[in-house]
Amino acid sequence: MIDSEPHRGSFVVPILREDIDDHYRIYGMVQGLASRRAASRITQPTLARLHELHELMQKSDDPDLLHNLNWEFHALINQTGGSRAPTVGAAAACQESATGRIRGTPRCEPRSQPESPEDAGALERGDGAGADAASREHVQFEGEYVIAKLKRDGILADDD
């Protein structure tokens, strides 16, 4: 990350654990809101596609394919949520997410997609609170994974 200050220049900003954690907490809130709204608007064809996407994720070990399938899974939930604010916010947060830039993150590993059926199950039941909680948990897991990976790689500035 780069910070530019007028008349001073550009500087590399250290990556802090707190910044990554905050990012994923905010992203989780936005995803949760979209999931909560989607629970009351979901259709059978959308649910069928969510289940299909999850099955495809379970069968693949291709990191690029897994990333794309996971992206579609969550984009479908965001679109179903219907509000442009959560959809736009979630898309922006995801694009800025370290998860999308780190190979071997949860989105790139099939065995780390267990939250997806919970998301779909809560949506299927029309359980907005459950969908919200499942989405937040899923995103929190991603954040914890990214923090651990950055720590292992010696990238965090506040690594103890």
C-alpha atoms as a PDB file:
ATOM      1  CA  MET A   1       0.000   0.000   0.000  1.00  0.00           C
ATOM      2  CA  ILE A   2       1.199   3.476  -0.859  1.00  0.00           C
ATOM      3  CA  ASP A   3       0.341   6.734   0.908  1.00  0.00           C
ATOM      4  CA  SER A   4       0.799   9.949  -1.045  1.00  0.00           C
ATOM      5  CA  GLU A   5       1.229  13.251   0.752  1.00  0.00           C
ATOM      6  CA  PRO A   6       1.073  16.485  -1.260  1.00  0.00           C
ATOM      7  CA  HIS A   7       4.466  18.193  -1.569  1.00  0.00           C
ATOM      8  CA  ARG A   8       6.145  15.378   0.379  1.00  0.00           C
ATOM      9  CA  GLY A   9       5.980  12.341  -1.865  1.00  0.00           C
ATOM     10  CA  SER A  10       4.754   8.783  -1.740  1.00  0.00           C
ATOM     11  CA  PHE A  11       5.562   6.315   1.013  1.00  0.00           C
ATOM     12  CA  VAL A  12       5.121   2.607   1.523  1.00  0.00           C
ATOM     13  CA  VAL A  13       2.617   2.080   4.322  1.00  0.00           C
ATOM     14  CA  PRO A  14       3.416  -0.773   6.693  1.00  0.00           C
ATOM     15  CA  ILE A  15       0.822  -3.537   6.814  1.00  0.00           C
ATOM     16  CA  LEU A  16      -0.544  -3.857  10.329  1.00  0.00           C
ATOM     17  CA  ARG A  17      -2.535  -6.781  11.733  1.00  0.00           C
ATOM     18  CA  GLU A  18      -5.185  -4.319  12.947  1.00  0.00           C
ATOM     19  CA  ASP A  19      -5.674  -2.910   9.436  1.00  0.00           C
ATOM     20  CA  ILE A  20      -6.228  -6.357   7.947  1.00  0.00           C
ATOM     21  CA  ASP A  21      -8.557  -7.350  10.800  1.00  0.00           C
ATOM     22  CA  ASP A  22     -10.569  -4.115  10.438  1.00  0.00           C
ATOM     23  CA  HIS A  23     -10.858  -4.621   6.693  1.00  0.00           C
ATOM     24  CA  TYR A  24     -12.300  -8.110   7.090  1.00  0.00           C
ATOM     25  CA  ARG A  25     -14.666  -7.062   9.884  1.00  0.00           C
ATOM     26  CA  ILE A  26     -16.090  -4.292   7.696  1.00  0.00           C
ATOM     27  CA  TYR A  27     -16.251  -6.587   4.678  1.00  0.00           C
ATOM     28  CA  GLY A  28     -18.043  -9.182   6.828  1.00  0.00           C
ATOM     29  CA  MET A  29     -20.635  -6.624   7.924  1.00  0.00           C
ATOM     30  CA  VAL A  30     -21.345  -5.655   4.312  1.00  0.00           C
ATOM     31  CA  GLN A  31     -21.542  -9.296   3.191  1.00  0.00           C
ATOM     32  CA  GLY A  32     -23.763 -10.096   6.157  1.00  0.00           C
ATOM     33  CA  LEU A  33     -26.173  -7.291   5.319  1.00  0.00           C
ATOM     34  CA  ALA A  34     -26.424  -8.455   1.715  1.00  0.00           C
ATOM     35  CA  SER A  35     -27.005 -12.058   2.867  1.00  0.00           C
ATOM     36  CA  ARG A  36     -29.658 -10.995   5.386  1.00  0.00           C
ATOM     37  CA  ARG A  37     -31.587  -9.189   2.662  1.00  0.00           C
ATOM     38  CA  ALA A  38     -31.112 -12.010   0.168  1.00  0.00           C
ATOM     39  CA  ALA A  39     -32.762 -14.457   2.600  1.00  0.00           C
ATOM     40  CA  SER A  40     -36.143 -12.815   2.053  1.00  0.00           C
ATOM     41  CA  ARG A  41     -35.728 -12.485  -1.721  1.00  0.00           C
ATOM     42  CA  ILE A  42     -34.006 -15.688  -2.821  1.00  0.00           C
ATOM     43  CA  THR A  43     -35.577 -17.765  -5.591  1.00  0.00           C
ATOM     44  CA  GLN A  44     -35.332 -21.501  -6.295  1.00  0.00           C
ATOM     45  CA  PRO A  45     -33.209 -20.996  -9.440  1.00  0.00           C
ATOM     46  CA  THR A  46     -30.779 -18.828  -7.456  1.00  0.00           C
ATOM     47  CA  LEU A  47     -30.582 -21.419  -4.667  1.00  0.00           C
ATOM     48  CA  ALA A  48     -29.965 -24.141  -7.243  1.00  0.00           C
ATOM     49  CA  ARG A  49     -27.095 -22.124  -8.719  1.00  0.00           C
ATOM     50  CA  LEU A  50     -25.591 -21.532  -5.253  1.00  0.00           C
ATOM     51  CA  HIS A  51     -25.647 -25.279  -4.577  1.00  0.00           C
ATOM     52  CA  GLU A  52     -24.143 -25.960  -8.004  1.00  0.00           C
ATOM     53  CA  LEU A  53     -21.364 -23.448  -7.391  1.00  0.00           C
ATOM     54  CA  HIS A  54     -20.590 -25.014  -4.029  1.00  0.00           C
ATOM     55  CA  GLU A  55     -20.418 -28.495  -5.563  1.00  0.00           C
ATOM     56  CA  LEU A  56     -18.051 -27.213  -8.249  1.00  0.00           C
ATOM     57  CA  MET A  57     -15.843 -25.640  -5.557  1.00  0.00           C
ATOM     58  CA  GLN A  58     -15.696 -28.949  -3.699  1.00  0.00           C
ATOM     59  CA  LYS A  59     -14.579 -30.805  -6.838  1.00  0.00           C
ATOM     60  CA  SER A  60     -11.832 -28.431  -7.952  1.00  0.00           C
ATOM     61  CA  ASP A  61      -8.301 -27.784  -6.795  1.00  0.00           C
ATOM     62  CA  ASP A  62      -7.602 -25.086  -9.410  1.00  0.00           C
ATOM     63  CA  PRO A  63      -6.964 -21.842  -7.461  1.00  0.00           C
ATOM     64  CA  ASP A  64      -8.127 -19.598 -10.300  1.00  0.00           C
ATOM     65  CA  LEU A  65     -11.319 -21.566 -10.863  1.00  0.00           C
ATOM     66  CA  LEU A  66     -12.018 -21.665  -7.118  1.00  0.00           C
ATOM     67  CA  HIS A  67     -11.542 -17.928  -6.855  1.00  0.00           C
ATOM     68  CA  ASN A  68     -13.950 -17.331  -9.757  1.00  0.00           C
ATOM     69  CA  LEU A  69     -16.567 -19.762  -8.409  1.00  0.00           C
ATOM     70  CA  ASN A  70     -16.395 -18.215  -4.945  1.00  0.00           C
ATOM     71  CA  TRP A  71     -16.664 -14.747  -6.472  1.00  0.00           C
ATOM     72  CA  GLU A  72     -19.784 -15.794  -8.389  1.00  0.00           C
ATOM     73  CA  PHE A  73     -21.262 -17.428  -5.266  1.00  0.00           C
ATOM     74  CA  HIS A  74     -20.973 -14.240  -3.232  1.00  0.00           C
ATOM     75  CA  ALA A  75     -21.871 -11.929  -6.141  1.00  0.00           C
ATOM     76  CA  LEU A  76     -25.097 -13.879  -6.607  1.00  0.00           C
ATOM     77  CA  ILE A  77     -25.963 -13.395  -2.939  1.00  0.00           C
ATOM     78  CA  ASN A  78     -25.110  -9.684  -3.183  1.00  0.00           C
ATOM     79  CA  GLN A  79     -27.229  -9.236  -6.304  1.00  0.00           C
ATOM     80  CA  THR A  80     -30.124 -11.086  -4.682  1.00  0.00           C
ATOM     81  CA  GLY A  81     -29.842  -8.822  -1.630  1.00  0.00           C
ATOM     82  CA  GLY A  82     -31.101  -6.121  -3.937  1.00  0.00           C
ATOM     83  CA  SER A  83     -29.602  -3.038  -2.328  1.00  0.00           C
ATOM     84  CA  ARG A  84     -26.989  -1.300  -4.404  1.00  0.00           C
ATOM     85  CA  ALA A  85     -25.104  -0.032  -1.340  1.00  0.00           C
ATOM     86  CA  PRO A  86     -24.171  -3.477   0.051  1.00  0.00           C
ATOM     87  CA  THR A  87     -23.498  -4.838  -3.427  1.00  0.00           C
ATOM     88  CA  VAL A  88     -21.211  -1.976  -4.392  1.00  0.00           C
ATOM     89  CA  GLY A  89     -19.556  -1.941  -0.974  1.00  0.00           C
ATOM     90  CA  ALA A  90     -18.948  -5.684  -0.997  1.00  0.00           C
ATOM     91  CA  ALA A  91     -17.531  -5.596  -4.507  1.00  0.00           C
ATOM     92  CA  ALA A  92     -15.183  -2.744  -3.624  1.00  0.00           C
ATOM     93  CA  ALA A  93     -14.098  -4.396  -0.393  1.00  0.00           C
ATOM     94  CA  CYS A  94     -13.446  -7.678  -2.142  1.00  0.00           C
ATOM     95  CA  GLN A  95     -11.373  -6.032  -4.855  1.00  0.00           C
ATOM     96  CA  GLU A  96      -9.241  -4.387  -2.189  1.00  0.00           C
ATOM     97  CA  SER A  97      -9.068  -7.592  -0.203  1.00  0.00           C
ATOM     98  CA  ALA A  98      -5.734  -9.192   0.434  1.00  0.00           C
ATOM     99  CA  THR A  99      -7.459 -12.533  -0.016  1.00  0.00           C
ATOM    100  CA  GLY A 100      -7.747 -11.996  -3.743  1.00  0.00           C
ATOM    101  CA  ARG A 101      -4.024 -11.337  -3.982  1.00  0.00           C
ATOM    102  CA  ILE A 102      -2.658 -14.159  -1.853  1.00  0.00           C
ATOM    103  CA  ARG A 103      -2.426 -17.644  -3.334  1.00  0.00           C
ATOM    104  CA  GLY A 104      -3.418 -20.402  -0.996  1.00  0.00           C
ATOM    105  CA  THR A 105      -6.041 -18.325   0.775  1.00  0.00           C
ATOM    106  CA  PRO A 106      -9.322 -19.896   1.837  1.00  0.00           C
ATOM    107  CA  ARG A 107     -10.960 -18.939  -1.440  1.00  0.00           C
ATOM    108  CA  CYS A 108      -8.367 -21.000  -3.236  1.00  0.00           C
ATOM    109  CA  GLU A 109      -8.714 -24.173  -1.202  1.00  0.00           C
ATOM    110  CA  PRO A 110     -11.754 -26.439  -1.601  1.00  0.00           C
ATOM    111  CA  ARG A 111     -11.620 -27.823   1.932  1.00  0.00           C
ATOM    112  CA  SER A 112     -11.996 -24.318   3.328  1.00  0.00           C
ATOM    113  CA  GLN A 113     -15.386 -23.650   1.740  1.00  0.00           C
ATOM    114  CA  PRO A 114     -17.556 -25.193   4.490  1.00  0.00           C
ATOM    115  CA  GLU A 115     -19.384 -21.938   5.160  1.00  0.00           C
ATOM    116  CA  SER A 116     -20.885 -21.855   1.683  1.00  0.00           C
ATOM    117  CA  PRO A 117     -23.498 -24.557   2.370  1.00  0.00           C
ATOM    118  CA  GLU A 118     -24.342 -22.817   5.647  1.00  0.00           C
ATOM    119  CA  ASP A 119     -24.881 -19.591   3.705  1.00  0.00           C
ATOM    120  CA  ALA A 120     -27.094 -21.395   1.192  1.00  0.00           C
ATOM    121  CA  GLY A 121     -28.929 -23.328   3.924  1.00  0.00           C
ATOM    122  CA  ALA A 122     -29.803 -20.168   5.820  1.00  0.00           C
ATOM    123  CA  LEU A 123     -30.921 -18.528   2.584  1.00  0.00           C
ATOM    124  CA  GLU A 124     -33.036 -21.567   1.729  1.00  0.00           C
ATOM    125  CA  ARG A 125     -34.768 -21.375   5.126  1.00  0.00           C
ATOM    126  CA  GLY A 126     -35.302 -17.629   4.742  1.00  0.00           C
ATOM    127  CA  ASP A 127     -33.179 -17.168   7.862  1.00  0.00           C
ATOM    128  CA  GLY A 128     -31.765 -13.668   7.473  1.00  0.00           C
ATOM    129  CA  ALA A 129     -29.970 -13.682  10.824  1.00  0.00           C
ATOM    130  CA  GLY A 130     -28.431 -17.061  10.061  1.00  0.00           C
ATOM    131  CA  ALA A 131     -27.300 -15.946   6.596  1.00  0.00           C
ATOM    132  CA  ASP A 132     -25.801 -12.787   8.112  1.00  0.00           C
ATOM    133  CA  ALA A 133     -23.931 -14.793  10.764  1.00  0.00           C
ATOM    134  CA  ALA A 134     -22.682 -17.397   8.250  1.00  0.00           C
ATOM    135  CA  SER A 135     -21.386 -14.669   5.932  1.00  0.00           C
ATOM    136  CA  ARG A 136     -19.617 -12.847   8.747  1.00  0.00           C
ATOM    137  CA  GLU A 137     -18.048 -16.101   9.960  1.00  0.00           C
ATOM    138  CA  HIS A 138     -16.876 -16.974   6.464  1.00  0.00           C
ATOM    139  CA  VAL A 139     -15.247 -13.572   5.993  1.00  0.00           C
ATOM    140  CA  GLN A 140     -13.719 -13.634   9.481  1.00  0.00           C
ATOM    141  CA  PHE A 141     -12.151 -17.012   8.660  1.00  0.00           C
ATOM    142  CA  GLU A 142     -10.657 -15.506   5.512  1.00  0.00           C
ATOM    143  CA  GLY A 143      -9.256 -12.581   7.503  1.00  0.00           C
ATOM    144  CA  GLU A 144      -7.693 -14.846  10.109  1.00  0.00           C
ATOM    145  CA  TYR A 145      -6.146 -16.941   7.364  1.00  0.00           C
ATOM    146  CA  VAL A 146      -4.704 -13.886   5.608  1.00  0.00           C
ATOM    147  CA  ILE A 147      -3.258 -12.534   8.868  1.00  0.00           C
ATOM    148  CA  ALA A 148      -1.636 -15.907   9.621  1.00  0.00           C
ATOM    149  CA  LYS A 149      -0.194 -16.122   6.100  1.00  0.00           C
ATOM    150  CA  LEU A 150       1.167 -12.573   6.231  1.00  0.00           C
ATOM    151  CA  LYS A 151       2.685 -13.341   9.612  1.00  0.00           C
ATOM    152  CA  ARG A 152       4.311 -16.556   8.312  1.00  0.00           C
ATOM    153  CA  ASP A 153       5.702 -14.624   5.345  1.00  0.00           C
ATOM    154  CA  GLY A 154       7.113 -11.886   7.600  1.00  0.00           C
ATOM    155  CA  ILE A 155       5.018  -9.184   5.919  1.00  0.00           C
ATOM    156  CA  LEU A 156       3.148  -7.770   8.915  1.00  0.00           C
ATOM    157  CA  ALA A 157       4.888  -4.712  10.316  1.00  0.00           C
ATOM    158  CA  ASP A 158       3.665  -5.460  13.837  1.00  0.00           C
ATOM    159  CA  ASP A 159       4.565  -9.165  13.754  1.00  0.00           C
ATOM    160  CA  ASP A 160       5.693 -10.247  17.202  1.00  0.00           C
END
